[in-house]
Amino acid sequence: MKANFLYKDLSIKEHNGRRYVLDILRRKYIALTPEEWVRQSFIRFVVEKKNYPQALLANEISLSLGNKKLRADSVLYDKMLKPRMIIEYKAPKISITQRVFDQIFSYNILLSVPYIIVTNGIEIYVCKLDEKEKRYMFLDDIPSYEEL
């Protein structure tokens, strides 16, 4: 589906010729890259429009798969702090391919979440695990927190 969540009014500051955006989850300014613009816009959208509790979202979650170090872009937790969703962001000029899905599925080997989202700010793919069929189904919309 087409993404419709990009914000133009994120909190941005400039220092020594570089631009930084406020990461509302980590509560600090970080380098503004195209991927980070997508991330911060998406986080703001789901907090404001889909009622995702800001306190239950986390950015840059470190994971280990054997000797391999991985990092999930964002993870949404339930009220018992069990992971419910992994979100992977790409810059708008990066196409969402099978390789991107393989990346997020490798994170899910460790987290076992029922929902995954992949977006580059232009396209967005929302998937829910069909537990009976043991496969992901594409959804037409981003679920609200209450629907998870």
C-alpha atoms as a PDB file:
ATOM      1  CA  MET A   1       0.000   0.000   0.000  1.00  0.00           C
ATOM      2  CA  LYS A   2       1.084   3.590  -0.409  1.00  0.00           C
ATOM      3  CA  ALA A   3       2.454   5.280   2.686  1.00  0.00           C
ATOM      4  CA  ASN A   4       0.734   8.428   3.909  1.00  0.00           C
ATOM      5  CA  PHE A   5       2.500   9.170   7.165  1.00  0.00           C
ATOM      6  CA  LEU A   6       5.521  11.348   6.336  1.00  0.00           C
ATOM      7  CA  TYR A   7       5.761  14.500   8.435  1.00  0.00           C
ATOM      8  CA  LYS A   8       7.397  17.704   7.289  1.00  0.00           C
ATOM      9  CA  ASP A   9       7.382  19.323  10.745  1.00  0.00           C
ATOM     10  CA  LEU A  10       9.642  17.018  12.741  1.00  0.00           C
ATOM     11  CA  SER A  11      11.839  18.680  15.368  1.00  0.00           C
ATOM     12  CA  ILE A  12      15.064  19.366  13.453  1.00  0.00           C
ATOM     13  CA  LYS A  13      18.140  21.337  14.486  1.00  0.00           C
ATOM     14  CA  GLU A  14      21.412  22.152  12.793  1.00  0.00           C
ATOM     15  CA  HIS A  15      24.854  21.951  14.381  1.00  0.00           C
ATOM     16  CA  ASN A  16      28.225  22.397  12.645  1.00  0.00           C
ATOM     17  CA  GLY A  17      26.557  22.200   9.243  1.00  0.00           C
ATOM     18  CA  ARG A  18      24.797  18.889   9.978  1.00  0.00           C
ATOM     19  CA  ARG A  19      21.085  18.372  10.513  1.00  0.00           C
ATOM     20  CA  TYR A  20      19.673  16.382  13.421  1.00  0.00           C
ATOM     21  CA  VAL A  21      16.162  15.131  14.169  1.00  0.00           C
ATOM     22  CA  LEU A  22      14.649  14.509  17.586  1.00  0.00           C
ATOM     23  CA  ASP A  23      14.116  10.810  18.248  1.00  0.00           C
ATOM     24  CA  ILE A  24      11.089  10.956  20.536  1.00  0.00           C
ATOM     25  CA  LEU A  25      11.700   7.423  21.821  1.00  0.00           C
ATOM     26  CA  ARG A  26      15.379   7.826  22.700  1.00  0.00           C
ATOM     27  CA  ARG A  27      14.807  11.468  23.691  1.00  0.00           C
ATOM     28  CA  LYS A  28      17.851  12.789  21.875  1.00  0.00           C
ATOM     29  CA  TYR A  29      18.788  14.345  18.562  1.00  0.00           C
ATOM     30  CA  ILE A  30      20.341  12.025  15.998  1.00  0.00           C
ATOM     31  CA  ALA A  31      21.721  12.537  12.498  1.00  0.00           C
ATOM     32  CA  LEU A  32      18.950  13.247  10.016  1.00  0.00           C
ATOM     33  CA  THR A  33      19.216  10.725   7.192  1.00  0.00           C
ATOM     34  CA  PRO A  34      16.475   9.783   4.719  1.00  0.00           C
ATOM     35  CA  GLU A  35      15.896   6.524   6.637  1.00  0.00           C
ATOM     36  CA  GLU A  36      15.716   8.392   9.945  1.00  0.00           C
ATOM     37  CA  TRP A  37      13.139  10.793   8.490  1.00  0.00           C
ATOM     38  CA  VAL A  38      11.001   7.758   7.575  1.00  0.00           C
ATOM     39  CA  ARG A  39      11.463   6.260  11.067  1.00  0.00           C
ATOM     40  CA  GLN A  40      10.622   9.415  12.994  1.00  0.00           C
ATOM     41  CA  SER A  41       7.608  10.134  10.773  1.00  0.00           C
ATOM     42  CA  PHE A  42       6.298   6.594  11.182  1.00  0.00           C
ATOM     43  CA  ILE A  43       6.775   6.587  14.965  1.00  0.00           C
ATOM     44  CA  ARG A  44       4.953   9.901  15.248  1.00  0.00           C
ATOM     45  CA  PHE A  45       2.139   8.616  13.017  1.00  0.00           C
ATOM     46  CA  VAL A  46       1.496   5.417  14.991  1.00  0.00           C
ATOM     47  CA  VAL A  47       1.699   7.230  18.330  1.00  0.00           C
ATOM     48  CA  GLU A  48      -0.669  10.028  17.231  1.00  0.00           C
ATOM     49  CA  LYS A  49      -3.036   8.193  14.864  1.00  0.00           C
ATOM     50  CA  LYS A  50      -2.923   4.510  15.846  1.00  0.00           C
ATOM     51  CA  ASN A  51      -2.641   4.922  19.637  1.00  0.00           C
ATOM     52  CA  TYR A  52       0.657   3.056  19.996  1.00  0.00           C
ATOM     53  CA  PRO A  53       1.953   3.854  23.495  1.00  0.00           C
ATOM     54  CA  GLN A  54       5.233   5.702  23.110  1.00  0.00           C
ATOM     55  CA  ALA A  55       6.564   3.933  26.221  1.00  0.00           C
ATOM     56  CA  LEU A  56       6.049   0.536  24.518  1.00  0.00           C
ATOM     57  CA  LEU A  57       8.027   1.405  21.377  1.00  0.00           C
ATOM     58  CA  ALA A  58      11.815   1.120  21.196  1.00  0.00           C
ATOM     59  CA  ASN A  59      14.352   1.969  18.486  1.00  0.00           C
ATOM     60  CA  GLU A  60      17.570   0.165  17.553  1.00  0.00           C
ATOM     61  CA  ILE A  61      17.036  -3.113  19.414  1.00  0.00           C
ATOM     62  CA  SER A  62      20.225  -5.208  19.529  1.00  0.00           C
ATOM     63  CA  LEU A  63      19.844  -8.907  18.739  1.00  0.00           C
ATOM     64  CA  SER A  64      22.265 -11.818  18.358  1.00  0.00           C
ATOM     65  CA  LEU A  65      21.815 -14.800  16.072  1.00  0.00           C
ATOM     66  CA  GLY A  66      24.758 -17.079  16.734  1.00  0.00           C
ATOM     67  CA  ASN A  67      27.855 -14.941  16.191  1.00  0.00           C
ATOM     68  CA  LYS A  68      25.916 -12.477  14.055  1.00  0.00           C
ATOM     69  CA  LYS A  69      24.948  -9.126  15.603  1.00  0.00           C
ATOM     70  CA  LEU A  70      21.637  -7.744  14.354  1.00  0.00           C
ATOM     71  CA  ARG A  71      19.686  -4.589  15.061  1.00  0.00           C
ATOM     72  CA  ALA A  72      15.926  -4.254  14.648  1.00  0.00           C
ATOM     73  CA  ASP A  73      14.951  -0.699  13.681  1.00  0.00           C
ATOM     74  CA  SER A  74      11.894  -0.527  15.973  1.00  0.00           C
ATOM     75  CA  VAL A  75       9.993  -2.969  18.151  1.00  0.00           C
ATOM     76  CA  LEU A  76       6.528  -2.524  19.647  1.00  0.00           C
ATOM     77  CA  TYR A  77       5.793  -4.334  22.904  1.00  0.00           C
ATOM     78  CA  ASP A  78       2.548  -5.286  24.619  1.00  0.00           C
ATOM     79  CA  LYS A  79       1.752  -4.209  28.171  1.00  0.00           C
ATOM     80  CA  MET A  80       3.549  -7.295  29.512  1.00  0.00           C
ATOM     81  CA  LEU A  81       6.664  -6.175  27.541  1.00  0.00           C
ATOM     82  CA  LYS A  82       6.426  -9.053  25.096  1.00  0.00           C
ATOM     83  CA  PRO A  83       7.423  -8.058  21.533  1.00  0.00           C
ATOM     84  CA  ARG A  84       4.361  -7.716  19.254  1.00  0.00           C
ATOM     85  CA  MET A  85       5.710  -6.011  16.130  1.00  0.00           C
ATOM     86  CA  ILE A  86       8.994  -5.418  14.328  1.00  0.00           C
ATOM     87  CA  ILE A  87       9.266  -2.376  12.069  1.00  0.00           C
ATOM     88  CA  GLU A  88      11.977  -2.046   9.421  1.00  0.00           C
ATOM     89  CA  TYR A  89      12.670   1.293   7.725  1.00  0.00           C
ATOM     90  CA  LYS A  90      14.455   2.073   4.499  1.00  0.00           C
ATOM     91  CA  ALA A  91      15.255   5.376   2.829  1.00  0.00           C
ATOM     92  CA  PRO A  92      12.685   6.443   0.210  1.00  0.00           C
ATOM     93  CA  LYS A  93      15.061   5.664  -2.674  1.00  0.00           C
ATOM     94  CA  ILE A  94      15.594   2.071  -1.435  1.00  0.00           C
ATOM     95  CA  SER A  95      13.213  -0.457  -2.986  1.00  0.00           C
ATOM     96  CA  ILE A  96      11.516  -2.929  -0.705  1.00  0.00           C
ATOM     97  CA  THR A  97      12.613  -6.326  -1.968  1.00  0.00           C
ATOM     98  CA  GLN A  98      12.602  -9.916  -0.791  1.00  0.00           C
ATOM     99  CA  ARG A  99      16.009  -9.243   0.747  1.00  0.00           C
ATOM    100  CA  VAL A 100      14.435  -6.627   3.045  1.00  0.00           C
ATOM    101  CA  PHE A 101      11.771  -9.122   4.103  1.00  0.00           C
ATOM    102  CA  ASP A 102      14.459 -11.756   4.691  1.00  0.00           C
ATOM    103  CA  GLN A 103      16.215  -9.266   6.957  1.00  0.00           C
ATOM    104  CA  ILE A 104      13.147  -8.670   9.122  1.00  0.00           C
ATOM    105  CA  PHE A 105      12.281 -12.383   9.155  1.00  0.00           C
ATOM    106  CA  SER A 106      15.763 -13.092  10.566  1.00  0.00           C
ATOM    107  CA  TYR A 107      14.952 -10.722  13.436  1.00  0.00           C
ATOM    108  CA  ASN A 108      11.700 -12.549  13.959  1.00  0.00           C
ATOM    109  CA  ILE A 109      13.499 -15.854  14.481  1.00  0.00           C
ATOM    110  CA  LEU A 110      14.555 -14.286  17.778  1.00  0.00           C
ATOM    111  CA  LEU A 111      11.507 -12.176  18.664  1.00  0.00           C
ATOM    112  CA  SER A 112       8.575 -14.303  17.396  1.00  0.00           C
ATOM    113  CA  VAL A 113       6.205 -11.405  16.815  1.00  0.00           C
ATOM    114  CA  PRO A 114       2.807 -11.702  15.121  1.00  0.00           C
ATOM    115  CA  TYR A 115       3.168  -8.434  13.146  1.00  0.00           C
ATOM    116  CA  ILE A 116       5.859  -6.982  10.910  1.00  0.00           C
ATOM    117  CA  ILE A 117       5.950  -3.711   9.009  1.00  0.00           C
ATOM    118  CA  VAL A 118       8.401  -2.674   6.301  1.00  0.00           C
ATOM    119  CA  THR A 119       8.371   0.835   4.838  1.00  0.00           C
ATOM    120  CA  ASN A 120      10.492   3.244   2.855  1.00  0.00           C
ATOM    121  CA  GLY A 121       8.086   6.142   3.340  1.00  0.00           C
ATOM    122  CA  ILE A 122       6.619   5.615  -0.131  1.00  0.00           C
ATOM    123  CA  GLU A 123       5.404   2.048   0.201  1.00  0.00           C
ATOM    124  CA  ILE A 124       4.394   0.213   3.332  1.00  0.00           C
ATOM    125  CA  TYR A 125       3.876  -3.497   3.859  1.00  0.00           C
ATOM    126  CA  VAL A 126       1.998  -4.669   6.926  1.00  0.00           C
ATOM    127  CA  CYS A 127       1.953  -8.392   7.647  1.00  0.00           C
ATOM    128  CA  LYS A 128       0.259 -10.514  10.287  1.00  0.00           C
ATOM    129  CA  LEU A 129       1.223 -14.067  11.144  1.00  0.00           C
ATOM    130  CA  ASP A 130      -1.506 -16.596  10.398  1.00  0.00           C
ATOM    131  CA  GLU A 131      -0.734 -18.948  13.270  1.00  0.00           C
ATOM    132  CA  LYS A 132      -2.779 -21.797  11.823  1.00  0.00           C
ATOM    133  CA  GLU A 133      -1.091 -21.645   8.405  1.00  0.00           C
ATOM    134  CA  LYS A 134       2.296 -20.565   9.841  1.00  0.00           C
ATOM    135  CA  ARG A 135       2.720 -17.840   7.225  1.00  0.00           C
ATOM    136  CA  TYR A 136       2.353 -14.093   7.012  1.00  0.00           C
ATOM    137  CA  MET A 137      -0.662 -12.446   5.388  1.00  0.00           C
ATOM    138  CA  PHE A 138      -0.525  -8.915   3.995  1.00  0.00           C
ATOM    139  CA  LEU A 139      -2.938  -6.453   5.608  1.00  0.00           C
ATOM    140  CA  ASP A 140      -4.571  -3.436   3.961  1.00  0.00           C
ATOM    141  CA  ASP A 141      -3.918  -1.046   6.837  1.00  0.00           C
ATOM    142  CA  ILE A 142      -1.763  -0.471   9.886  1.00  0.00           C
ATOM    143  CA  PRO A 143      -3.699  -1.877  12.850  1.00  0.00           C
ATOM    144  CA  SER A 144      -4.400   0.345  15.830  1.00  0.00           C
ATOM    145  CA  TYR A 145      -2.781  -0.694  19.090  1.00  0.00           C
ATOM    146  CA  GLU A 146      -6.149  -1.983  20.310  1.00  0.00           C
ATOM    147  CA  GLU A 147      -6.411  -4.289  17.266  1.00  0.00           C
ATOM    148  CA  LEU A 148      -3.081  -6.002  17.912  1.00  0.00           C
END
